[in-house]
Amino acid sequence: MQETSTKDSETDTKVIDEGVEKGLKGLTPEKIELVINQVLKNETGARLKLYIDTCMRCSLCADACSFFLSNDRAPEFSPAGKVKQTLHEMIRLKGKVSKDTLRNIVRIAHTECNVCKRCSMYCPFGIDIAYMILLVRRICHKLEITPLYIQDTVNSHAATMNQMWVKEDEWIDTLQWQEEDAREEFENLRIPLDKDGADIMYSVIAPEPKFQAGLIYQSAVIHHAADINWTMPSFPGWDNSNMAMFTGDYEISGRIAKAHYEAATKLHVKKIVMGECGHAFRSVFDVGNRWMGWAMPPVDVIHAIEFYHYLLTSGRIKIKDKFKETVTLHDPCNISRGRGLHDKARELVDMLCESFIEMTPNKEHNYCCGAGGGAINCGPPWKINRMVNNREKADQIKRTGAKVLIAPCHNCHSGLEDILHYYDQDMEVKFFGDLIFNAMDKTIYKGGE
């Protein structure tokens, strides 16, 4: 089995991804050429041609990329450099690409780009490089050379409509378990399942029932305290994550979005409130609706930041004690650059915390966590490379000197924890929900009063 070079002189790590290698083994030159040309001819159009013909190789996108900065400004890590090594090679060779080249292409497209779109902000023509990298991933998907771990996640989506192989009875049992625990503190608290006509459907990503059930407990307490008319579906569609969106499996990605919207419409809810996850919000609010042919979602969709902001500013949640440790805030790409929630996030920080230090850069200019775009989901084989490629993010966090890092996104939360451990930084990562749960005045809600 051939090894995949990471181009990383610091670690000199050679990564073997079993999923990629198995897929490559089954490919023929004819199959490679056929699939590449089919995608380029039948699934693209004026948009791709415009981007390819417009790029002036000016390198203004380079400094926008944290991978480029983390790797001592090596040209191959610049956004334009990554496109040149992947999509441009496929076009230049008219699909006649070798297996060794494909192996290199998979590594670049899946593990050296977070499709965060920061580079597009600095391109003088607004070229969407993320779109081109995702197109490369689409080709990799159709060639069946997607990295093993993220492909397994997509397989779980296909089989269970959630990314963690959570069975329906396990999902319901977890909600009942969290409700029982919460009722020991708030005797009238309920996690209403399948309530018809509720004001909101609250949706989460599958790692919560699988590994972080306490976050569901916290959310239930917040909903109860705020006297929200809410529900959660007992059936598939409760998981709002969508890793197929990042592997180029449009078919499964569409099924996931459809199931989520159908859950909301079946329950006749007025609004979907999504938990603290950025890619999930992007997949439902901005990608899933368009896959279904809608300009906007058929049901109002808001992120947890917007929901929490409403609860605190309306007085439905009373804050007893502000958080006293110094905090800094990470702006997730998909809800800051993608949705513009960075100002509301800072208003939340002001309402919840006594001491706040900004990252530099920040808001829509913030660097990606390095885990997004499916990078963290490519799994353990690629973790060391992900850490080295996140050196710039580690430096950005360290410069704040804060004790606590707020990350209102699951992938960001996990990716930033990895960075802090790898770079030996003494900082704790929290969600906004953690802060609200600990800062709110719970005494006035005892007994459901």
Protein backbone atom coordinates (compact mmCIF):
# COMPACT_ATOMS: atom_id res chain seq x y z
CA MET A 1 0.00 0.00 0.00
CA GLN A 2 1.41 3.38 -0.97
CA GLU A 3 1.68 6.11 1.60
CA THR A 4 0.21 9.59 1.36
CA SER A 5 2.70 12.37 2.00
CA THR A 6 1.39 15.29 4.00
CA LYS A 7 4.07 17.74 2.81
CA ASP A 8 4.69 18.39 6.49
CA SER A 9 8.39 18.74 7.31
CA GLU A 10 7.66 19.35 10.98
CA THR A 11 6.04 15.99 11.63
CA ASP A 12 7.23 14.07 8.57
CA THR A 13 4.05 12.04 9.01
CA LYS A 14 2.88 9.63 6.33
CA VAL A 15 -0.86 9.13 6.35
CA ILE A 16 -2.54 6.03 5.03
CA ASP A 17 -6.29 6.40 4.68
CA GLU A 18 -7.77 2.95 4.20
CA GLY A 19 -10.91 4.27 2.53
CA VAL A 20 -8.93 6.22 -0.04
CA GLU A 21 -6.55 3.36 -0.74
CA LYS A 22 -9.34 0.82 -1.13
CA GLY A 23 -11.13 3.12 -3.56
CA LEU A 24 -8.00 3.78 -5.59
CA LYS A 25 -7.29 0.08 -5.87
CA GLY A 26 -10.57 -0.49 -7.67
CA LEU A 27 -10.14 2.30 -10.22
CA THR A 28 -9.09 1.99 -13.84
CA PRO A 29 -7.79 4.82 -16.05
CA GLU A 30 -10.99 4.58 -18.05
CA LYS A 31 -13.21 4.94 -14.96
CA ILE A 32 -11.22 7.92 -13.70
CA GLU A 33 -11.44 9.75 -17.00
CA LEU A 34 -15.13 8.96 -17.43
CA VAL A 35 -16.20 10.16 -13.97
CA ILE A 36 -14.15 13.37 -14.02
CA ASN A 37 -15.43 14.40 -17.43
CA GLN A 38 -19.02 13.46 -16.60
CA VAL A 39 -19.00 15.73 -13.56
CA LEU A 40 -17.23 18.60 -15.31
CA LYS A 41 -19.51 18.39 -18.35
CA ASN A 42 -22.87 17.56 -16.78
CA GLU A 43 -22.75 19.09 -13.29
CA THR A 44 -21.09 22.46 -13.94
CA GLY A 45 -21.74 25.42 -16.16
CA ALA A 46 -21.06 29.11 -16.58
CA ARG A 47 -20.19 29.55 -12.92
CA LEU A 48 -17.16 27.27 -13.03
CA LYS A 49 -16.02 28.61 -16.41
CA LEU A 50 -16.24 32.16 -15.10
CA TYR A 51 -14.13 31.33 -12.03
CA ILE A 52 -11.50 29.45 -14.05
CA ASP A 53 -11.22 32.16 -16.69
CA THR A 54 -11.28 35.06 -14.22
CA CYS A 55 -8.60 34.07 -11.70
CA MET A 56 -5.54 36.26 -12.30
CA ARG A 57 -3.19 34.29 -9.99
CA CYS A 58 -2.75 37.51 -8.00
CA SER A 59 -2.30 35.62 -4.69
CA LEU A 60 -4.47 38.04 -2.72
CA CYS A 61 -6.34 35.00 -1.44
CA ALA A 62 -3.18 33.52 0.07
CA ASP A 63 -2.95 35.59 3.25
CA ALA A 64 -6.61 34.91 3.91
CA CYS A 65 -5.91 31.18 4.34
CA SER A 66 -4.83 29.94 7.76
CA PHE A 67 -3.35 26.82 6.15
CA PHE A 68 -1.04 29.01 4.09
CA LEU A 69 -0.01 31.05 7.13
CA SER A 70 0.44 27.95 9.30
CA ASN A 71 2.78 26.37 6.76
CA ASP A 72 5.26 29.26 6.47
CA ARG A 73 3.49 30.69 3.43
CA ALA A 74 4.25 27.70 1.22
CA PRO A 75 2.63 28.48 -2.16
CA GLU A 76 0.99 25.05 -2.46
CA PHE A 77 -1.14 25.85 0.61
CA SER A 78 -2.61 29.04 -0.87
CA PRO A 79 -6.24 28.75 -2.01
CA ALA A 80 -5.33 29.31 -5.67
CA GLY A 81 -2.49 26.82 -5.27
CA LYS A 82 -4.88 24.19 -3.96
CA VAL A 83 -7.22 24.71 -6.91
CA LYS A 84 -4.27 24.50 -9.30
CA GLN A 85 -3.18 21.14 -7.85
CA THR A 86 -6.68 19.65 -7.93
CA LEU A 87 -9.36 20.95 -10.26
CA HIS A 88 -6.97 22.57 -12.72
CA GLU A 89 -5.07 19.28 -13.06
CA MET A 90 -8.27 17.42 -13.83
CA ILE A 91 -9.21 19.99 -16.48
CA ARG A 92 -5.70 20.27 -17.94
CA LEU A 93 -5.35 16.50 -18.29
CA LYS A 94 -8.95 16.11 -19.50
CA GLY A 95 -9.62 13.52 -16.84
CA LYS A 96 -6.54 11.43 -17.57
CA VAL A 97 -5.35 11.62 -13.97
CA SER A 98 -3.13 9.05 -12.30
CA LYS A 99 -3.91 7.32 -9.02
CA ASP A 100 -0.97 9.05 -7.36
CA THR A 101 -2.36 12.41 -8.45
CA LEU A 102 -5.80 11.45 -7.15
CA ARG A 103 -4.31 10.50 -3.80
CA ASN A 104 -2.78 13.95 -3.60
CA ILE A 105 -6.04 15.54 -4.69
CA VAL A 106 -8.03 13.80 -1.94
CA ARG A 107 -5.60 14.99 0.72
CA ILE A 108 -5.73 18.61 -0.44
CA ALA A 109 -9.49 18.82 -1.00
CA HIS A 110 -10.53 17.05 2.20
CA THR A 111 -7.85 17.87 4.76
CA GLU A 112 -6.16 21.10 3.65
CA CYS A 113 -9.22 23.25 3.04
CA ASN A 114 -12.11 23.99 5.40
CA VAL A 115 -14.26 25.48 2.58
CA CYS A 116 -14.70 28.39 5.01
CA LYS A 117 -14.93 31.01 2.21
CA ARG A 118 -12.60 33.45 3.96
CA CYS A 119 -10.45 33.58 0.83
CA SER A 120 -13.42 34.74 -1.27
CA MET A 121 -13.69 37.87 0.89
CA TYR A 122 -10.21 38.91 -0.22
CA CYS A 123 -10.43 37.88 -3.87
CA PRO A 124 -10.89 41.07 -5.96
CA PHE A 125 -13.33 39.15 -8.18
CA GLY A 126 -15.15 37.29 -5.40
CA ILE A 127 -14.24 33.87 -6.78
CA ASP A 128 -15.82 31.14 -4.67
CA ILE A 129 -12.87 28.80 -4.17
CA ALA A 130 -14.88 26.73 -1.68
CA TYR A 131 -17.28 25.88 -4.50
CA MET A 132 -14.41 24.58 -6.63
CA ILE A 133 -12.95 22.50 -3.79
CA LEU A 134 -16.39 21.03 -3.08
CA LEU A 135 -16.64 20.17 -6.76
CA VAL A 136 -13.36 18.26 -6.41
CA ARG A 137 -14.85 16.40 -3.45
CA ARG A 138 -17.90 15.58 -5.59
CA ILE A 139 -15.59 13.92 -8.10
CA CYS A 140 -13.80 12.05 -5.30
CA HIS A 141 -17.16 10.84 -4.00
CA LYS A 142 -18.18 9.51 -7.41
CA LEU A 143 -14.80 7.80 -7.72
CA GLU A 144 -15.38 6.29 -4.23
CA ILE A 145 -12.14 7.68 -2.77
CA THR A 146 -13.58 9.72 0.10
CA PRO A 147 -11.60 9.41 3.38
CA LEU A 148 -12.80 6.47 5.46
CA TYR A 149 -14.03 8.18 8.62
CA ILE A 150 -16.13 10.88 7.02
CA GLN A 151 -17.55 8.34 4.57
CA ASP A 152 -18.63 6.19 7.51
CA THR A 153 -20.41 9.25 8.89
CA VAL A 154 -22.25 9.70 5.60
CA ASN A 155 -23.13 5.99 5.63
CA SER A 156 -24.70 6.54 9.05
CA HIS A 157 -26.72 9.45 7.67
CA ALA A 158 -27.93 7.22 4.84
CA ALA A 159 -28.94 4.36 7.12
CA THR A 160 -30.26 6.19 10.19
CA MET A 161 -30.72 9.86 9.18
CA ASN A 162 -28.20 10.82 11.85
CA GLN A 163 -24.41 10.86 11.81
CA MET A 164 -23.73 8.68 14.86
CA TRP A 165 -25.65 5.47 14.19
CA VAL A 166 -28.11 6.42 16.95
CA LYS A 167 -31.10 4.07 16.81
CA GLU A 168 -34.61 5.47 17.23
CA ASP A 169 -35.12 3.83 20.61
CA GLU A 170 -31.72 5.10 21.79
CA TRP A 171 -32.69 8.64 20.82
CA ILE A 172 -35.98 8.47 22.71
CA ASP A 173 -34.35 6.79 25.72
CA THR A 174 -31.74 9.56 25.90
CA LEU A 175 -34.40 12.28 25.91
CA GLN A 176 -36.38 10.48 28.61
CA TRP A 177 -33.23 9.98 30.67
CA GLN A 178 -32.37 13.69 30.49
CA GLU A 179 -35.94 14.62 31.33
CA GLU A 180 -35.93 12.36 34.40
CA ASP A 181 -32.64 13.83 35.61
CA ALA A 182 -33.86 17.38 35.09
CA ARG A 183 -37.14 16.71 36.91
CA GLU A 184 -35.17 16.01 40.06
CA GLU A 185 -34.34 19.72 40.02
CA PHE A 186 -37.39 21.12 38.19
CA GLU A 187 -40.35 18.88 38.97
CA ASN A 188 -42.62 20.07 36.16
CA LEU A 189 -39.99 20.05 33.42
CA ARG A 190 -40.78 18.09 30.27
CA ILE A 191 -39.04 17.38 27.00
CA PRO A 192 -42.17 17.29 24.82
CA LEU A 193 -41.95 14.71 22.03
CA ASP A 194 -43.98 15.10 18.83
CA LYS A 195 -46.09 17.95 20.17
CA ASP A 196 -48.29 19.18 17.35
CA GLY A 197 -48.37 22.92 16.66
CA ALA A 198 -45.56 23.91 19.04
CA ASP A 199 -43.94 27.30 18.56
CA ILE A 200 -40.52 25.76 17.95
CA MET A 201 -38.88 22.47 17.10
CA TYR A 202 -35.49 22.28 18.79
CA SER A 203 -32.94 20.28 16.80
CA VAL A 204 -29.47 19.06 17.72
CA ILE A 205 -26.60 17.17 16.14
CA ALA A 206 -26.14 13.47 16.85
CA PRO A 207 -23.00 13.77 19.04
CA GLU A 208 -25.25 15.25 21.75
CA PRO A 209 -27.32 12.10 22.46
CA LYS A 210 -24.28 9.94 21.70
CA PHE A 211 -21.62 11.65 23.83
CA GLN A 212 -22.89 14.94 25.29
CA ALA A 213 -26.37 14.25 26.64
CA GLY A 214 -25.82 16.88 29.32
CA LEU A 215 -26.23 19.55 26.66
CA ILE A 216 -29.79 18.30 26.07
CA TYR A 217 -30.37 18.57 29.83
CA GLN A 218 -29.17 22.18 29.75
CA SER A 219 -31.36 23.04 26.76
CA ALA A 220 -34.40 21.49 28.43
CA VAL A 221 -33.82 23.61 31.54
CA ILE A 222 -33.44 26.77 29.44
CA HIS A 223 -36.63 26.05 27.49
CA HIS A 224 -38.50 25.24 30.71
CA ALA A 225 -37.30 28.37 32.48
CA ALA A 226 -38.25 30.55 29.52
CA ASP A 227 -41.70 28.92 29.34
CA ILE A 228 -41.24 28.06 25.66
CA ASN A 229 -43.86 26.08 23.78
CA TRP A 230 -41.47 23.60 22.20
CA THR A 231 -41.02 20.06 21.00
CA MET A 232 -38.50 17.57 19.64
CA PRO A 233 -39.31 14.85 17.10
CA SER A 234 -39.07 11.24 18.23
CA PHE A 235 -38.55 10.08 14.64
CA PRO A 236 -35.70 10.58 12.11
CA GLY A 237 -35.14 14.19 11.15
CA TRP A 238 -34.08 15.32 14.63
CA ASP A 239 -30.37 15.43 13.68
CA ASN A 240 -29.59 18.67 11.89
CA SER A 241 -26.02 17.78 10.88
CA ASN A 242 -25.06 16.93 7.31
CA MET A 243 -21.61 15.55 6.52
CA ALA A 244 -22.73 14.49 3.04
CA MET A 245 -22.77 18.19 2.17
CA PHE A 246 -18.99 18.13 2.60
CA THR A 247 -18.25 14.88 0.77
CA GLY A 248 -20.04 15.81 -2.44
CA ASP A 249 -22.76 13.20 -1.92
CA TYR A 250 -25.54 15.50 -3.06
CA GLU A 251 -28.10 12.71 -3.04
CA ILE A 252 -27.69 11.83 0.64
CA SER A 253 -27.29 15.51 1.54
CA GLY A 254 -30.66 16.21 -0.02
CA ARG A 255 -32.31 13.31 1.81
CA ILE A 256 -30.99 14.64 5.13
CA ALA A 257 -32.35 18.13 4.51
CA LYS A 258 -35.68 16.75 3.35
CA ALA A 259 -36.04 14.63 6.50
CA HIS A 260 -35.32 17.63 8.72
CA TYR A 261 -37.88 19.86 7.03
CA GLU A 262 -40.45 17.05 6.95
CA ALA A 263 -40.05 16.55 10.70
CA ALA A 264 -40.85 20.24 11.27
CA THR A 265 -43.79 20.35 8.87
CA LYS A 266 -45.23 17.07 10.14
CA LEU A 267 -45.34 18.58 13.63
CA HIS A 268 -46.74 21.89 12.28
CA VAL A 269 -44.20 23.95 14.22
CA LYS A 270 -43.78 27.65 13.58
CA LYS A 271 -40.00 27.75 13.76
CA ILE A 272 -36.90 25.54 13.88
CA VAL A 273 -34.34 26.49 16.51
CA MET A 274 -31.01 24.86 15.80
CA GLY A 275 -28.49 24.07 18.52
CA GLU A 276 -24.97 25.48 18.57
CA CYS A 277 -23.55 24.11 15.33
CA GLY A 278 -22.35 26.08 12.33
CA HIS A 279 -22.19 23.54 9.52
CA ALA A 280 -25.64 22.20 10.49
CA PHE A 281 -27.09 25.69 10.26
CA ARG A 282 -25.49 26.16 6.86
CA SER A 283 -26.82 22.82 5.65
CA VAL A 284 -30.43 23.52 6.67
CA PHE A 285 -30.73 27.29 6.20
CA ASP A 286 -28.57 27.86 3.13
CA VAL A 287 -27.97 24.56 1.31
CA GLY A 288 -30.83 22.19 2.10
CA ASN A 289 -33.56 24.61 1.07
CA ARG A 290 -31.91 25.29 -2.30
CA TRP A 291 -31.38 21.58 -2.89
CA MET A 292 -35.14 21.22 -2.40
CA GLY A 293 -35.76 24.05 -4.88
CA TRP A 294 -36.82 26.70 -2.37
CA ALA A 295 -35.33 30.19 -2.32
CA MET A 296 -35.85 30.24 1.44
CA PRO A 297 -36.72 27.51 3.96
CA PRO A 298 -40.44 26.60 4.22
CA VAL A 299 -40.19 26.97 8.00
CA ASP A 300 -38.34 29.80 9.74
CA VAL A 301 -34.89 28.63 10.85
CA ILE A 302 -32.77 30.37 13.49
CA HIS A 303 -29.48 29.52 15.17
CA ALA A 304 -29.14 29.15 18.94
CA ILE A 305 -27.37 32.53 19.11
CA GLU A 306 -30.49 34.27 17.82
CA PHE A 307 -32.69 32.23 20.16
CA TYR A 308 -30.58 32.92 23.24
CA HIS A 309 -30.36 36.59 22.34
CA TYR A 310 -34.17 36.76 22.28
CA LEU A 311 -34.49 34.92 25.61
CA LEU A 312 -32.11 37.28 27.39
CA THR A 313 -33.20 40.58 25.84
CA SER A 314 -36.90 39.78 26.33
CA GLY A 315 -36.34 38.91 29.98
CA ARG A 316 -37.58 35.34 29.62
CA ILE A 317 -34.27 34.24 31.13
CA LYS A 318 -32.96 36.16 34.12
CA ILE A 319 -29.20 36.26 34.72
CA LYS A 320 -28.17 35.93 38.36
CA ASP A 321 -24.37 35.95 38.24
CA LYS A 322 -22.23 36.92 35.27
CA PHE A 323 -19.33 34.65 34.37
CA LYS A 324 -16.22 36.07 36.02
CA GLU A 325 -13.33 34.43 34.15
CA THR A 326 -11.87 36.32 31.19
CA VAL A 327 -13.37 35.03 27.95
CA THR A 328 -12.68 35.31 24.25
CA LEU A 329 -15.02 34.44 21.41
CA HIS A 330 -14.47 32.30 18.32
CA ASP A 331 -16.67 33.30 15.38
CA PRO A 332 -17.76 30.13 13.53
CA CYS A 333 -17.50 30.61 9.76
CA ASN A 334 -20.99 29.44 8.89
CA ILE A 335 -22.85 31.63 11.37
CA SER A 336 -20.57 34.67 11.25
CA ARG A 337 -19.29 34.98 7.70
CA GLY A 338 -22.27 32.94 6.48
CA ARG A 339 -25.08 34.50 8.52
CA GLY A 340 -23.76 37.67 10.18
CA LEU A 341 -24.48 36.69 13.79
CA HIS A 342 -21.20 38.01 15.18
CA ASP A 343 -22.71 41.18 16.65
CA LYS A 344 -25.50 39.31 18.43
CA ALA A 345 -22.88 36.89 19.73
CA ARG A 346 -20.98 39.79 21.30
CA GLU A 347 -24.15 41.16 22.82
CA LEU A 348 -24.65 37.74 24.43
CA VAL A 349 -21.10 37.83 25.76
CA ASP A 350 -21.77 41.26 27.26
CA MET A 351 -24.92 40.02 28.98
CA LEU A 352 -23.27 36.88 30.33
CA CYS A 353 -19.62 37.73 31.06
CA GLU A 354 -17.72 40.32 33.06
CA SER A 355 -14.47 40.33 31.07
CA PHE A 356 -14.11 39.90 27.30
CA ILE A 357 -11.00 40.02 25.10
CA GLU A 358 -11.39 40.07 21.31
CA MET A 359 -9.45 37.80 19.02
CA THR A 360 -7.60 39.48 16.18
CA PRO A 361 -8.85 39.24 13.48
CA ASN A 362 -12.47 38.74 14.48
CA LYS A 363 -16.10 38.67 13.37
CA GLU A 364 -16.41 37.81 9.65
CA HIS A 365 -12.64 38.08 9.31
CA ASN A 366 -11.93 35.43 11.94
CA TYR A 367 -9.89 32.37 11.01
CA CYS A 368 -11.69 29.05 10.78
CA CYS A 369 -11.38 26.66 13.73
CA GLY A 370 -9.55 24.28 11.38
CA ALA A 371 -12.06 21.50 12.04
CA GLY A 372 -14.85 22.71 9.78
CA GLY A 373 -15.77 21.70 6.27
CA GLY A 374 -15.51 18.03 7.25
CA ALA A 375 -11.81 18.19 8.15
CA ILE A 376 -12.22 16.90 11.69
CA ASN A 377 -14.54 14.18 10.41
CA CYS A 378 -11.73 12.72 8.29
CA GLY A 379 -10.69 11.19 11.59
CA PRO A 380 -7.62 10.14 13.57
CA PRO A 381 -5.33 9.40 10.60
CA TRP A 382 -5.31 13.09 9.74
CA LYS A 383 -5.32 14.64 13.23
CA ILE A 384 -1.60 15.53 13.50
CA ASN A 385 -1.68 17.19 10.10
CA ARG A 386 -4.78 19.10 11.15
CA MET A 387 -2.96 20.32 14.24
CA VAL A 388 0.11 21.51 12.31
CA ASN A 389 -2.16 23.20 9.77
CA ASN A 390 -3.87 25.03 12.65
CA ARG A 391 -0.76 26.72 14.04
CA GLU A 392 -2.02 30.16 13.03
CA LYS A 393 -5.31 29.58 14.84
CA ALA A 394 -3.42 28.43 17.94
CA ASP A 395 -1.35 31.62 17.89
CA GLN A 396 -4.47 33.73 17.46
CA ILE A 397 -6.10 32.15 20.50
CA LYS A 398 -2.94 32.39 22.62
CA ARG A 399 -2.59 36.10 21.95
CA THR A 400 -5.86 36.82 23.77
CA GLY A 401 -4.59 35.54 27.12
CA ALA A 402 -8.18 34.58 28.01
CA LYS A 403 -9.07 31.73 30.37
CA VAL A 404 -12.20 30.60 28.53
CA LEU A 405 -12.89 30.27 24.81
CA ILE A 406 -16.53 30.49 23.73
CA ALA A 407 -17.26 28.43 20.62
CA PRO A 408 -20.96 28.36 19.61
CA CYS A 409 -20.50 25.43 17.21
CA HIS A 410 -19.90 21.72 17.83
CA ASN A 411 -17.21 21.19 15.21
CA CYS A 412 -15.47 24.38 16.32
CA HIS A 413 -15.73 23.30 19.95
CA SER A 414 -14.12 19.92 19.26
CA GLY A 415 -11.51 21.29 16.88
CA LEU A 416 -10.48 24.07 19.24
CA GLU A 417 -10.17 21.64 22.14
CA ASP A 418 -7.78 19.60 19.97
CA ILE A 419 -5.73 22.72 19.23
CA LEU A 420 -5.53 23.73 22.89
CA HIS A 421 -4.36 20.27 23.92
CA TYR A 422 -1.83 19.94 21.09
CA TYR A 423 -0.32 23.38 21.67
CA ASP A 424 -0.49 23.01 25.47
CA GLN A 425 -2.67 26.04 26.06
CA ASP A 426 -4.47 26.29 29.39
CA MET A 427 -7.92 27.36 28.26
CA GLU A 428 -11.41 25.89 28.60
CA VAL A 429 -13.89 25.76 25.72
CA LYS A 430 -17.57 26.48 26.38
CA PHE A 431 -20.83 26.83 24.49
CA PHE A 432 -23.16 29.77 25.07
CA GLY A 433 -25.61 27.22 26.49
CA ASP A 434 -23.05 26.32 29.18
CA LEU A 435 -22.76 29.97 30.21
CA ILE A 436 -26.51 30.60 30.25
CA PHE A 437 -27.22 27.45 32.24
CA ASN A 438 -24.70 28.43 34.91
CA ALA A 439 -25.50 32.16 34.97
CA MET A 440 -29.31 32.02 34.98
CA ASP A 441 -31.30 32.41 38.17
CA LYS A 442 -32.69 28.90 38.58
CA THR A 443 -34.26 29.52 41.98
CA ILE A 444 -37.27 31.27 40.45
CA TYR A 445 -38.04 28.28 38.23
CA LYS A 446 -38.10 25.54 40.86
CA GLY A 447 -41.25 23.52 40.71
CA GLY A 448 -42.07 24.97 37.30
CA GLU A 449 -43.15 28.30 38.78
